[in-house]
Amino acid sequence: MTEIAEPPIAVTEAPPHRRAFDRVRARSRDFALVPAIIVLLVVGSFVDPVFLTRRNLTEVLQQQTEISLLVLGEAMILFLGRIDLSLESMVGFAPALAVMIVTDYYTGLPGWTAIPICLLLGLAGGLLNGLLIVKFKLSAFIVTLGMLIVLRGLQVGFTGGKSLFLLPSEFPWLGRTRWSSVPVSVVVCGVLYVAAIFAMGYLRQGRAIYAIGGNAAAARAAGIRTDRIVISVFMLAGLLAALAGMLTAGRLGSVAANQGQGWIFTVMAASVIGGVSLNGGRGTIFGALSGVLVLGLIKNILVLAGVSAQWDQAIYGVIILVALILSRLTSGEEQTS
C-alpha cells in the first residue's frame, strides 16, 4: 500500500509587533525590582534620616559586596539548572588556609602570595565540584552539600576552631581601601558584574549557559560542549567565593571561625527575588544584583528600626517563599528543583 505523505506543517512566525512586545516584556523583567528599591529608599528615609546619607548608603554597598560575589557565582550556576551550596564554606576555608600557609607554616612565602593561593583554592574547589557532577553524573545538590560540610570541617581542623587575626597586609588593603570615598571592594564588584552582564548577553559562552539550563540534551546536540562549560562555571563560582572571603577578611581584619556560615540563605533569597529560575535557563545578572540591593536595603532599614539581626533568616525565608509564589503566578513556571 502506498503511503500518502502528509503535507508539512506550516510554521507561522509571530508578527513584528508581537516580537517587539515580547522583547520589551523580557527586558522589563530586568528592572522589575527597581520600583521596590525606590520604595525602600523612601521608607528608609522615614525610618531614620541617616538612611539616605552618603556614608550610610556607601556602607550598605560595601557590606553587600561580598554576598553579591556569591550571588553572581550562584546565579550563573542556577542558569545551568544546577545549584552550589558549598560556596558559603569556601568563603571561610580559602582565606583561612591561604593565611595559614603564608603565616603559620613557615613556607617563607611573601604575604602577597596569600591572594593567589586563596583564589587557586577557590578554583580547585569549584573544579572538584564540577568533575564530580559531570564525570560521575552525581546530583549537584548532594555533591555541594557534602562539599559544604567537608570544607567547613577542614577549616575547623586546620584552625582549631579559632579565628585568625594575623593577616597579610594585602588583605586589609583590599577590604578597607577607598578611592575618593568609594571602597575598592565596591569597584571590584561593580567591574565583575558589568563583565558578567556583557558576557551573558553578548558572548557565545553566555548564551551557551542559558541553552544548557533550558535543555541540556538539545544544547549538546547543537554542538555545545556542555561538560566543559558546567565545570568552568563551577570553577568561576568557587573563585568568586574565595574572593568574597578575602574581601570579608580584609574588611573585618580577621578570618572568623564561622566566616560565611549561613550566607547561602541570603544568596538564594537574592537570586530568587531577582528573577533567577531554580529550573535553569532563565534570569539575568542585573536581576540578581537587584535582589542583592533589595536585601541589603531591607537589612539596613531593620537595623535602623532597631529590629534584632536574629530575625534575618526568618525574614529571608519569607521573602523566598513570596518570590516563588509571585514567580509561579506571573510566569506559570513550576519550581521543581
C-alpha atoms as a PDB file:
ATOM      1  CA  MET A   1       0.000   0.000   0.000  1.00  0.00           C
ATOM      2  CA  THR A   2       1.359   3.350  -0.953  1.00  0.00           C
ATOM      3  CA  GLU A   3       1.586   5.759   1.942  1.00  0.00           C
ATOM      4  CA  ILE A   4       0.381   9.255   1.324  1.00  0.00           C
ATOM      5  CA  ALA A   5       2.848  11.765   2.620  1.00  0.00           C
ATOM      6  CA  GLU A   6       1.348  14.328   4.909  1.00  0.00           C
ATOM      7  CA  PRO A   7       1.877  17.928   3.903  1.00  0.00           C
ATOM      8  CA  PRO A   8       4.433  19.752   6.016  1.00  0.00           C
ATOM      9  CA  ILE A   9       3.084  21.751   8.861  1.00  0.00           C
ATOM     10  CA  ALA A  10       3.454  25.442   8.207  1.00  0.00           C
ATOM     11  CA  VAL A  11       5.228  27.327  10.936  1.00  0.00           C
ATOM     12  CA  THR A  12       3.873  30.806  11.265  1.00  0.00           C
ATOM     13  CA  GLU A  13       6.227  33.417  12.613  1.00  0.00           C
ATOM     14  CA  ALA A  14       4.944  35.933  15.080  1.00  0.00           C
ATOM     15  CA  PRO A  15       4.250  39.356  13.581  1.00  0.00           C
ATOM     16  CA  PRO A  16       6.924  42.032  14.064  1.00  0.00           C
ATOM     17  CA  HIS A  17       4.879  43.993  16.596  1.00  0.00           C
ATOM     18  CA  ARG A  18       4.387  40.844  18.668  1.00  0.00           C
ATOM     19  CA  ARG A  19       8.111  40.035  18.621  1.00  0.00           C
ATOM     20  CA  ALA A  20       8.924  43.600  19.651  1.00  0.00           C
ATOM     21  CA  PHE A  21       6.431  43.378  22.522  1.00  0.00           C
ATOM     22  CA  ASP A  22       7.981  40.107  23.706  1.00  0.00           C
ATOM     23  CA  ARG A  23      11.454  41.677  23.677  1.00  0.00           C
ATOM     24  CA  VAL A  24      10.266  44.678  25.653  1.00  0.00           C
ATOM     25  CA  ARG A  25       8.489  42.436  28.162  1.00  0.00           C
ATOM     26  CA  ALA A  26      11.569  40.245  28.577  1.00  0.00           C
ATOM     27  CA  ARG A  27      13.763  43.295  29.070  1.00  0.00           C
ATOM     28  CA  SER A  28      11.336  44.809  31.571  1.00  0.00           C
ATOM     29  CA  ARG A  29      11.878  41.798  33.862  1.00  0.00           C
ATOM     30  CA  ASP A  30      15.458  43.009  34.370  1.00  0.00           C
ATOM     31  CA  PHE A  31      14.133  46.153  36.034  1.00  0.00           C
ATOM     32  CA  ALA A  32      11.252  44.551  37.942  1.00  0.00           C
ATOM     33  CA  LEU A  33      12.888  45.294  41.307  1.00  0.00           C
ATOM     34  CA  VAL A  34      13.775  48.911  40.558  1.00  0.00           C
ATOM     35  CA  PRO A  35      10.383  50.177  41.858  1.00  0.00           C
ATOM     36  CA  ALA A  36      10.913  48.094  45.009  1.00  0.00           C
ATOM     37  CA  ILE A  37      14.341  49.682  45.517  1.00  0.00           C
ATOM     38  CA  ILE A  38      12.819  53.154  45.146  1.00  0.00           C
ATOM     39  CA  VAL A  39      10.090  52.310  47.671  1.00  0.00           C
ATOM     40  CA  LEU A  40      12.706  51.025  50.137  1.00  0.00           C
ATOM     41  CA  LEU A  41      14.698  54.238  49.772  1.00  0.00           C
ATOM     42  CA  VAL A  42      11.581  56.261  50.595  1.00  0.00           C
ATOM     43  CA  VAL A  43      10.633  54.019  53.526  1.00  0.00           C
ATOM     44  CA  GLY A  44      14.176  54.120  54.890  1.00  0.00           C
ATOM     45  CA  SER A  45      14.213  57.912  54.821  1.00  0.00           C
ATOM     46  CA  PHE A  46      11.158  57.923  57.107  1.00  0.00           C
ATOM     47  CA  VAL A  47      12.590  55.282  59.454  1.00  0.00           C
ATOM     48  CA  ASP A  48      15.777  57.251  60.096  1.00  0.00           C
ATOM     49  CA  PRO A  49      17.140  60.442  58.462  1.00  0.00           C
ATOM     50  CA  VAL A  50      20.591  58.824  58.497  1.00  0.00           C
ATOM     51  CA  PHE A  51      19.441  56.245  55.938  1.00  0.00           C
ATOM     52  CA  LEU A  52      19.847  58.418  52.837  1.00  0.00           C
ATOM     53  CA  THR A  53      23.194  59.864  53.813  1.00  0.00           C
ATOM     54  CA  ARG A  54      26.106  59.106  51.532  1.00  0.00           C
ATOM     55  CA  ARG A  55      28.038  57.423  54.325  1.00  0.00           C
ATOM     56  CA  ASN A  56      25.209  55.027  55.189  1.00  0.00           C
ATOM     57  CA  LEU A  57      24.475  54.053  51.577  1.00  0.00           C
ATOM     58  CA  THR A  58      28.186  53.506  50.950  1.00  0.00           C
ATOM     59  CA  GLU A  59      28.322  51.224  53.981  1.00  0.00           C
ATOM     60  CA  VAL A  60      25.325  49.286  52.655  1.00  0.00           C
ATOM     61  CA  LEU A  61      27.092  48.776  49.320  1.00  0.00           C
ATOM     62  CA  GLN A  62      30.325  47.669  50.984  1.00  0.00           C
ATOM     63  CA  GLN A  63      28.573  45.261  53.325  1.00  0.00           C
ATOM     64  CA  GLN A  64      26.748  43.694  50.366  1.00  0.00           C
ATOM     65  CA  THR A  65      29.875  43.415  48.226  1.00  0.00           C
ATOM     66  CA  GLU A  66      30.941  40.010  49.494  1.00  0.00           C
ATOM     67  CA  ILE A  67      27.467  38.469  49.366  1.00  0.00           C
ATOM     68  CA  SER A  68      26.948  39.892  45.876  1.00  0.00           C
ATOM     69  CA  LEU A  69      30.004  37.984  44.624  1.00  0.00           C
ATOM     70  CA  LEU A  70      28.443  34.760  45.891  1.00  0.00           C
ATOM     71  CA  VAL A  71      25.149  35.700  44.261  1.00  0.00           C
ATOM     72  CA  LEU A  72      26.963  36.283  40.964  1.00  0.00           C
ATOM     73  CA  GLY A  73      28.514  32.823  41.086  1.00  0.00           C
ATOM     74  CA  GLU A  74      25.325  31.133  42.284  1.00  0.00           C
ATOM     75  CA  ALA A  75      23.197  32.857  39.637  1.00  0.00           C
ATOM     76  CA  MET A  76      25.375  31.522  36.820  1.00  0.00           C
ATOM     77  CA  ILE A  77      25.148  28.021  38.283  1.00  0.00           C
ATOM     78  CA  LEU A  78      21.360  28.361  38.562  1.00  0.00           C
ATOM     79  CA  PHE A  79      21.281  29.424  34.899  1.00  0.00           C
ATOM     80  CA  LEU A  80      22.735  25.981  34.187  1.00  0.00           C
ATOM     81  CA  GLY A  81      19.939  24.322  36.120  1.00  0.00           C
ATOM     82  CA  ARG A  82      22.314  23.303  38.928  1.00  0.00           C
ATOM     83  CA  ILE A  83      22.933  24.552  42.461  1.00  0.00           C
ATOM     84  CA  ASP A  84      26.007  25.036  44.640  1.00  0.00           C
ATOM     85  CA  LEU A  85      25.556  25.012  48.405  1.00  0.00           C
ATOM     86  CA  SER A  86      29.275  24.889  49.168  1.00  0.00           C
ATOM     87  CA  LEU A  87      30.059  28.496  48.282  1.00  0.00           C
ATOM     88  CA  GLU A  88      29.451  29.724  51.819  1.00  0.00           C
ATOM     89  CA  SER A  89      32.055  27.297  53.196  1.00  0.00           C
ATOM     90  CA  MET A  90      34.598  28.353  50.572  1.00  0.00           C
ATOM     91  CA  VAL A  91      34.223  31.923  51.878  1.00  0.00           C
ATOM     92  CA  GLY A  92      35.873  30.823  55.117  1.00  0.00           C
ATOM     93  CA  PHE A  93      38.045  27.909  54.043  1.00  0.00           C
ATOM     94  CA  ALA A  94      40.015  29.519  51.190  1.00  0.00           C
ATOM     95  CA  PRO A  95      41.240  32.661  53.010  1.00  0.00           C
ATOM     96  CA  ALA A  96      41.861  30.737  56.249  1.00  0.00           C
ATOM     97  CA  LEU A  97      44.100  28.130  54.619  1.00  0.00           C
ATOM     98  CA  ALA A  98      45.845  30.741  52.442  1.00  0.00           C
ATOM     99  CA  VAL A  99      46.671  32.845  55.506  1.00  0.00           C
ATOM    100  CA  MET A 100      47.932  29.817  57.413  1.00  0.00           C
ATOM    101  CA  ILE A 101      50.150  28.711  54.519  1.00  0.00           C
ATOM    102  CA  VAL A 102      51.823  32.116  54.438  1.00  0.00           C
ATOM    103  CA  THR A 103      51.962  32.936  58.156  1.00  0.00           C
ATOM    104  CA  ASP A 104      51.866  29.675  60.143  1.00  0.00           C
ATOM    105  CA  TYR A 105      53.519  27.002  58.018  1.00  0.00           C
ATOM    106  CA  TYR A 106      56.876  28.781  57.704  1.00  0.00           C
ATOM    107  CA  THR A 107      56.960  28.440  53.939  1.00  0.00           C
ATOM    108  CA  GLY A 108      58.922  31.667  53.559  1.00  0.00           C
ATOM    109  CA  LEU A 109      56.401  32.988  51.051  1.00  0.00           C
ATOM    110  CA  PRO A 110      55.792  36.761  50.953  1.00  0.00           C
ATOM    111  CA  GLY A 111      52.460  37.997  52.267  1.00  0.00           C
ATOM    112  CA  TRP A 112      51.026  38.912  48.863  1.00  0.00           C
ATOM    113  CA  THR A 113      51.128  35.260  47.764  1.00  0.00           C
ATOM    114  CA  ALA A 114      48.172  34.593  50.066  1.00  0.00           C
ATOM    115  CA  ILE A 115      45.972  36.280  47.449  1.00  0.00           C
ATOM    116  CA  PRO A 116      46.726  33.904  44.523  1.00  0.00           C
ATOM    117  CA  ILE A 117      46.754  30.924  46.905  1.00  0.00           C
ATOM    118  CA  CYS A 118      43.286  31.861  48.158  1.00  0.00           C
ATOM    119  CA  LEU A 119      41.952  32.251  44.609  1.00  0.00           C
ATOM    120  CA  LEU A 120      43.544  28.974  43.483  1.00  0.00           C
ATOM    121  CA  LEU A 121      41.866  27.171  46.376  1.00  0.00           C
ATOM    122  CA  GLY A 122      38.529  28.544  45.181  1.00  0.00           C
ATOM    123  CA  LEU A 123      39.211  27.349  41.644  1.00  0.00           C
ATOM    124  CA  ALA A 124      40.236  23.912  42.908  1.00  0.00           C
ATOM    125  CA  GLY A 125      37.068  23.546  44.960  1.00  0.00           C
ATOM    126  CA  GLY A 126      34.905  24.505  42.004  1.00  0.00           C
ATOM    127  CA  LEU A 127      36.829  22.128  39.751  1.00  0.00           C
ATOM    128  CA  LEU A 128      36.250  19.234  42.140  1.00  0.00           C
ATOM    129  CA  ASN A 129      32.534  20.016  42.345  1.00  0.00           C
ATOM    130  CA  GLY A 130      32.256  20.208  38.578  1.00  0.00           C
ATOM    131  CA  LEU A 131      34.137  16.956  37.962  1.00  0.00           C
ATOM    132  CA  LEU A 132      32.043  15.016  40.484  1.00  0.00           C
ATOM    133  CA  ILE A 133      28.828  16.332  38.942  1.00  0.00           C
ATOM    134  CA  VAL A 134      29.793  15.939  35.282  1.00  0.00           C
ATOM    135  CA  LYS A 135      32.011  12.866  35.208  1.00  0.00           C
ATOM    136  CA  PHE A 136      30.205  10.803  37.841  1.00  0.00           C
ATOM    137  CA  LYS A 137      26.698  12.085  36.986  1.00  0.00           C
ATOM    138  CA  LEU A 138      26.027  12.965  40.616  1.00  0.00           C
ATOM    139  CA  SER A 139      23.384  15.342  41.911  1.00  0.00           C
ATOM    140  CA  ALA A 140      24.722  18.893  42.226  1.00  0.00           C
ATOM    141  CA  PHE A 141      22.657  19.361  45.374  1.00  0.00           C
ATOM    142  CA  ILE A 142      24.144  16.326  47.129  1.00  0.00           C
ATOM    143  CA  VAL A 143      27.710  16.930  45.910  1.00  0.00           C
ATOM    144  CA  THR A 144      27.812  20.554  47.022  1.00  0.00           C
ATOM    145  CA  LEU A 145      26.063  19.771  50.297  1.00  0.00           C
ATOM    146  CA  GLY A 146      28.803  17.253  51.021  1.00  0.00           C
ATOM    147  CA  MET A 147      31.462  19.745  49.963  1.00  0.00           C
ATOM    148  CA  LEU A 148      29.916  22.371  52.247  1.00  0.00           C
ATOM    149  CA  ILE A 149      30.382  20.024  55.203  1.00  0.00           C
ATOM    150  CA  VAL A 150      33.889  18.957  54.134  1.00  0.00           C
ATOM    151  CA  LEU A 151      35.202  22.487  53.680  1.00  0.00           C
ATOM    152  CA  ARG A 152      33.696  23.670  56.960  1.00  0.00           C
ATOM    153  CA  GLY A 153      35.269  20.698  58.720  1.00  0.00           C
ATOM    154  CA  LEU A 154      38.659  21.322  57.111  1.00  0.00           C
ATOM    155  CA  GLN A 155      38.616  24.950  58.214  1.00  0.00           C
ATOM    156  CA  VAL A 156      37.821  23.942  61.786  1.00  0.00           C
ATOM    157  CA  GLY A 157      40.509  21.254  61.675  1.00  0.00           C
ATOM    158  CA  PHE A 158      43.259  23.497  60.289  1.00  0.00           C
ATOM    159  CA  THR A 159      42.494  26.451  62.557  1.00  0.00           C
ATOM    160  CA  GLY A 160      41.443  24.528  65.650  1.00  0.00           C
ATOM    161  CA  GLY A 161      38.121  26.321  65.502  1.00  0.00           C
ATOM    162  CA  LYS A 162      39.794  29.686  66.153  1.00  0.00           C
ATOM    163  CA  SER A 163      39.628  32.956  64.257  1.00  0.00           C
ATOM    164  CA  LEU A 164      42.801  34.150  62.504  1.00  0.00           C
ATOM    165  CA  PHE A 165      43.894  37.719  63.235  1.00  0.00           C
ATOM    166  CA  LEU A 166      47.413  37.791  61.772  1.00  0.00           C
ATOM    167  CA  LEU A 167      46.642  38.651  58.146  1.00  0.00           C
ATOM    168  CA  PRO A 168      48.922  39.712  55.290  1.00  0.00           C
ATOM    169  CA  SER A 169      48.753  43.474  54.772  1.00  0.00           C
ATOM    170  CA  GLU A 170      47.291  42.971  51.299  1.00  0.00           C
ATOM    171  CA  PHE A 171      44.035  41.576  52.723  1.00  0.00           C
ATOM    172  CA  PRO A 172      43.100  44.725  54.687  1.00  0.00           C
ATOM    173  CA  TRP A 173      44.084  46.834  51.680  1.00  0.00           C
ATOM    174  CA  LEU A 174      41.530  45.063  49.510  1.00  0.00           C
ATOM    175  CA  GLY A 175      38.832  45.174  52.153  1.00  0.00           C
ATOM    176  CA  ARG A 176      39.274  48.682  53.556  1.00  0.00           C
ATOM    177  CA  THR A 177      40.932  50.955  50.978  1.00  0.00           C
ATOM    178  CA  ARG A 178      38.801  53.687  49.442  1.00  0.00           C
ATOM    179  CA  TRP A 179      39.196  55.616  46.206  1.00  0.00           C
ATOM    180  CA  SER A 180      37.552  59.033  46.555  1.00  0.00           C
ATOM    181  CA  SER A 181      35.383  57.684  49.392  1.00  0.00           C
ATOM    182  CA  VAL A 182      34.352  54.661  47.279  1.00  0.00           C
ATOM    183  CA  PRO A 183      35.563  51.303  48.697  1.00  0.00           C
ATOM    184  CA  VAL A 184      37.858  49.340  46.390  1.00  0.00           C
ATOM    185  CA  SER A 185      35.755  46.236  47.029  1.00  0.00           C
ATOM    186  CA  VAL A 186      32.687  48.004  45.598  1.00  0.00           C
ATOM    187  CA  VAL A 187      34.654  48.969  42.484  1.00  0.00           C
ATOM    188  CA  VAL A 188      35.903  45.393  42.032  1.00  0.00           C
ATOM    189  CA  CYS A 189      32.388  44.017  42.450  1.00  0.00           C
ATOM    190  CA  GLY A 190      30.952  46.559  40.010  1.00  0.00           C
ATOM    191  CA  VAL A 191      33.525  45.698  37.344  1.00  0.00           C
ATOM    192  CA  LEU A 192      32.825  41.976  37.714  1.00  0.00           C
ATOM    193  CA  TYR A 193      29.065  42.494  37.396  1.00  0.00           C
ATOM    194  CA  VAL A 194      29.467  44.661  34.284  1.00  0.00           C
ATOM    195  CA  ALA A 195      31.705  41.984  32.744  1.00  0.00           C
ATOM    196  CA  ALA A 196      29.195  39.250  33.629  1.00  0.00           C
ATOM    197  CA  ILE A 197      26.251  41.195  32.197  1.00  0.00           C
ATOM    198  CA  PHE A 198      28.182  41.710  28.951  1.00  0.00           C
ATOM    199  CA  ALA A 199      29.275  38.063  28.794  1.00  0.00           C
ATOM    200  CA  MET A 200      25.808  36.628  29.423  1.00  0.00           C
ATOM    201  CA  GLY A 201      24.184  38.985  26.937  1.00  0.00           C
ATOM    202  CA  TYR A 202      26.662  39.152  24.072  1.00  0.00           C
ATOM    203  CA  LEU A 203      29.179  36.308  24.210  1.00  0.00           C
ATOM    204  CA  ARG A 204      28.647  32.826  22.825  1.00  0.00           C
ATOM    205  CA  GLN A 205      29.619  31.244  26.125  1.00  0.00           C
ATOM    206  CA  GLY A 206      26.928  33.211  27.924  1.00  0.00           C
ATOM    207  CA  ARG A 207      24.230  32.113  25.513  1.00  0.00           C
ATOM    208  CA  ALA A 208      25.502  28.549  25.850  1.00  0.00           C
ATOM    209  CA  ILE A 209      24.945  28.678  29.624  1.00  0.00           C
ATOM    210  CA  TYR A 210      21.303  29.638  29.083  1.00  0.00           C
ATOM    211  CA  ALA A 211      20.946  26.920  26.452  1.00  0.00           C
ATOM    212  CA  ILE A 212      22.277  24.243  28.806  1.00  0.00           C
ATOM    213  CA  GLY A 213      19.928  25.347  31.555  1.00  0.00           C
ATOM    214  CA  GLY A 214      16.968  25.355  29.177  1.00  0.00           C
ATOM    215  CA  ASN A 215      17.640  21.934  27.624  1.00  0.00           C
ATOM    216  CA  ALA A 216      20.997  20.259  28.163  1.00  0.00           C
ATOM    217  CA  ALA A 217      20.343  17.487  25.625  1.00  0.00           C
ATOM    218  CA  ALA A 218      19.408  19.968  22.904  1.00  0.00           C
ATOM    219  CA  ALA A 219      22.440  22.089  23.723  1.00  0.00           C
ATOM    220  CA  ARG A 220      24.695  19.044  23.444  1.00  0.00           C
ATOM    221  CA  ALA A 221      23.086  18.108  20.137  1.00  0.00           C
ATOM    222  CA  ALA A 222      23.741  21.633  18.876  1.00  0.00           C
ATOM    223  CA  GLY A 223      27.463  21.147  19.434  1.00  0.00           C
ATOM    224  CA  ILE A 224      27.807  22.966  22.746  1.00  0.00           C
ATOM    225  CA  ARG A 225      30.468  21.430  24.983  1.00  0.00           C
ATOM    226  CA  THR A 226      28.163  21.184  27.945  1.00  0.00           C
ATOM    227  CA  ASP A 227      30.526  19.333  30.287  1.00  0.00           C
ATOM    228  CA  ARG A 228      33.329  21.835  29.819  1.00  0.00           C
ATOM    229  CA  ILE A 229      31.015  24.795  30.373  1.00  0.00           C
ATOM    230  CA  VAL A 230      29.453  23.290  33.502  1.00  0.00           C
ATOM    231  CA  ILE A 231      32.871  22.644  35.042  1.00  0.00           C
ATOM    232  CA  SER A 232      34.078  26.140  34.082  1.00  0.00           C
ATOM    233  CA  VAL A 233      31.070  27.811  35.703  1.00  0.00           C
ATOM    234  CA  PHE A 234      31.550  25.874  38.943  1.00  0.00           C
ATOM    235  CA  MET A 235      35.229  26.902  38.943  1.00  0.00           C
ATOM    236  CA  LEU A 236      34.257  30.535  38.394  1.00  0.00           C
ATOM    237  CA  ALA A 237      31.780  30.371  41.274  1.00  0.00           C
ATOM    238  CA  GLY A 238      34.465  28.900  43.548  1.00  0.00           C
ATOM    239  CA  LEU A 239      36.839  31.685  42.530  1.00  0.00           C
ATOM    240  CA  LEU A 240      34.241  34.346  43.347  1.00  0.00           C
ATOM    241  CA  ALA A 241      33.539  32.724  46.727  1.00  0.00           C
ATOM    242  CA  ALA A 242      37.254  32.767  47.582  1.00  0.00           C
ATOM    243  CA  LEU A 243      37.465  36.422  46.544  1.00  0.00           C
ATOM    244  CA  ALA A 244      34.423  37.201  48.714  1.00  0.00           C
ATOM    245  CA  GLY A 245      36.124  35.532  51.672  1.00  0.00           C
ATOM    246  CA  MET A 246      39.296  37.510  51.081  1.00  0.00           C
ATOM    247  CA  LEU A 247      37.392  40.825  50.950  1.00  0.00           C
ATOM    248  CA  THR A 248      35.457  39.898  54.105  1.00  0.00           C
ATOM    249  CA  ALA A 249      38.634  39.054  55.984  1.00  0.00           C
ATOM    250  CA  GLY A 250      40.227  42.303  54.853  1.00  0.00           C
ATOM    251  CA  ARG A 251      37.235  44.409  55.864  1.00  0.00           C
ATOM    252  CA  LEU A 252      36.881  42.804  59.304  1.00  0.00           C
ATOM    253  CA  GLY A 253      40.609  42.349  59.950  1.00  0.00           C
ATOM    254  CA  SER A 254      40.346  38.613  60.609  1.00  0.00           C
ATOM    255  CA  VAL A 255      39.156  35.298  59.233  1.00  0.00           C
ATOM    256  CA  ALA A 256      36.358  34.340  61.607  1.00  0.00           C
ATOM    257  CA  ALA A 257      35.933  30.703  62.593  1.00  0.00           C
ATOM    258  CA  ASN A 258      32.381  30.772  61.198  1.00  0.00           C
ATOM    259  CA  GLN A 259      33.022  33.106  58.273  1.00  0.00           C
ATOM    260  CA  GLY A 260      30.395  32.641  55.570  1.00  0.00           C
ATOM    261  CA  GLN A 261      28.195  30.384  57.679  1.00  0.00           C
ATOM    262  CA  GLY A 262      24.528  30.849  56.815  1.00  0.00           C
ATOM    263  CA  TRP A 263      25.244  33.020  53.783  1.00  0.00           C
ATOM    264  CA  ILE A 264      23.597  30.550  51.423  1.00  0.00           C
ATOM    265  CA  PHE A 265      20.162  31.625  52.717  1.00  0.00           C
ATOM    266  CA  THR A 266      20.822  35.221  51.693  1.00  0.00           C
ATOM    267  CA  VAL A 267      22.336  34.119  48.378  1.00  0.00           C
ATOM    268  CA  MET A 268      19.314  32.040  47.441  1.00  0.00           C
ATOM    269  CA  ALA A 269      16.920  34.755  48.582  1.00  0.00           C
ATOM    270  CA  ALA A 270      18.667  37.388  46.455  1.00  0.00           C
ATOM    271  CA  SER A 271      18.762  35.094  43.417  1.00  0.00           C
ATOM    272  CA  VAL A 272      15.113  34.079  43.639  1.00  0.00           C
ATOM    273  CA  ILE A 273      13.677  37.553  44.196  1.00  0.00           C
ATOM    274  CA  GLY A 274      15.975  38.749  41.400  1.00  0.00           C
ATOM    275  CA  GLY A 275      14.100  36.523  38.965  1.00  0.00           C
ATOM    276  CA  VAL A 276      16.656  33.713  38.587  1.00  0.00           C
ATOM    277  CA  SER A 277      14.830  30.453  37.885  1.00  0.00           C
ATOM    278  CA  LEU A 278      15.663  27.424  40.011  1.00  0.00           C
ATOM    279  CA  ASN A 279      14.897  25.280  36.968  1.00  0.00           C
ATOM    280  CA  GLY A 280      17.642  26.859  34.868  1.00  0.00           C
ATOM    281  CA  GLY A 281      17.743  28.802  31.636  1.00  0.00           C
ATOM    282  CA  ARG A 282      16.036  31.958  32.888  1.00  0.00           C
ATOM    283  CA  GLY A 283      17.082  35.078  34.742  1.00  0.00           C
ATOM    284  CA  THR A 284      19.618  37.875  34.401  1.00  0.00           C
ATOM    285  CA  ILE A 285      22.716  39.076  36.198  1.00  0.00           C
ATOM    286  CA  PHE A 286      21.168  42.526  36.639  1.00  0.00           C
ATOM    287  CA  GLY A 287      18.122  40.936  38.245  1.00  0.00           C
ATOM    288  CA  ALA A 288      20.349  39.026  40.675  1.00  0.00           C
ATOM    289  CA  LEU A 289      22.202  42.252  41.531  1.00  0.00           C
ATOM    290  CA  SER A 290      18.867  43.978  42.137  1.00  0.00           C
ATOM    291  CA  GLY A 291      17.967  41.180  44.551  1.00  0.00           C
ATOM    292  CA  VAL A 292      21.184  41.809  46.489  1.00  0.00           C
ATOM    293  CA  LEU A 293      20.421  45.535  46.720  1.00  0.00           C
ATOM    294  CA  VAL A 294      16.861  44.879  47.903  1.00  0.00           C
ATOM    295  CA  LEU A 295      18.044  42.584  50.693  1.00  0.00           C
ATOM    296  CA  GLY A 296      20.803  44.998  51.669  1.00  0.00           C
ATOM    297  CA  LEU A 297      18.369  47.899  51.952  1.00  0.00           C
ATOM    298  CA  ILE A 298      15.858  45.790  53.899  1.00  0.00           C
ATOM    299  CA  LYS A 299      18.551  44.703  56.354  1.00  0.00           C
ATOM    300  CA  ASN A 300      19.775  48.262  56.830  1.00  0.00           C
ATOM    301  CA  ILE A 301      16.242  49.538  57.430  1.00  0.00           C
ATOM    302  CA  LEU A 302      15.641  46.802  60.012  1.00  0.00           C
ATOM    303  CA  VAL A 303      18.874  47.706  61.806  1.00  0.00           C
ATOM    304  CA  LEU A 304      17.970  51.402  61.889  1.00  0.00           C
ATOM    305  CA  ALA A 305      14.491  50.455  63.126  1.00  0.00           C
ATOM    306  CA  GLY A 306      16.028  48.501  65.995  1.00  0.00           C
ATOM    307  CA  VAL A 307      14.984  45.019  64.811  1.00  0.00           C
ATOM    308  CA  SER A 308      17.305  42.266  66.051  1.00  0.00           C
ATOM    309  CA  ALA A 309      19.531  40.551  63.469  1.00  0.00           C
ATOM    310  CA  GLN A 310      18.291  37.218  64.840  1.00  0.00           C
ATOM    311  CA  TRP A 311      15.186  37.702  62.690  1.00  0.00           C
ATOM    312  CA  ASP A 312      17.157  37.968  59.432  1.00  0.00           C
ATOM    313  CA  GLN A 313      16.919  34.307  58.389  1.00  0.00           C
ATOM    314  CA  ALA A 314      13.181  34.167  59.081  1.00  0.00           C
ATOM    315  CA  ILE A 315      12.646  37.303  57.025  1.00  0.00           C
ATOM    316  CA  TYR A 316      14.763  35.992  54.143  1.00  0.00           C
ATOM    317  CA  GLY A 317      12.826  32.709  54.226  1.00  0.00           C
ATOM    318  CA  VAL A 318       9.521  34.576  53.921  1.00  0.00           C
ATOM    319  CA  ILE A 319      10.964  36.630  51.051  1.00  0.00           C
ATOM    320  CA  ILE A 320      11.975  33.449  49.200  1.00  0.00           C
ATOM    321  CA  LEU A 321       8.503  31.915  49.596  1.00  0.00           C
ATOM    322  CA  VAL A 322       6.755  35.103  48.470  1.00  0.00           C
ATOM    323  CA  ALA A 323       9.097  35.422  45.475  1.00  0.00           C
ATOM    324  CA  LEU A 324       8.424  31.820  44.430  1.00  0.00           C
ATOM    325  CA  ILE A 325       4.671  32.322  44.685  1.00  0.00           C
ATOM    326  CA  LEU A 326       4.829  35.528  42.644  1.00  0.00           C
ATOM    327  CA  SER A 327       7.018  33.813  40.036  1.00  0.00           C
ATOM    328  CA  ARG A 328       4.507  30.963  39.764  1.00  0.00           C
ATOM    329  CA  LEU A 329       1.576  33.357  39.390  1.00  0.00           C
ATOM    330  CA  THR A 330       3.206  35.691  36.862  1.00  0.00           C
ATOM    331  CA  SER A 331       5.048  33.184  34.662  1.00  0.00           C
ATOM    332  CA  GLY A 332       3.262  29.910  35.273  1.00  0.00           C
ATOM    333  CA  GLU A 333       6.627  28.219  35.773  1.00  0.00           C
ATOM    334  CA  GLU A 334       6.758  25.376  38.271  1.00  0.00           C
ATOM    335  CA  GLN A 335       9.797  25.395  40.559  1.00  0.00           C
ATOM    336  CA  THR A 336      10.761  21.725  40.694  1.00  0.00           C
ATOM    337  CA  SER A 337      14.420  21.881  41.788  1.00  0.00           C
END
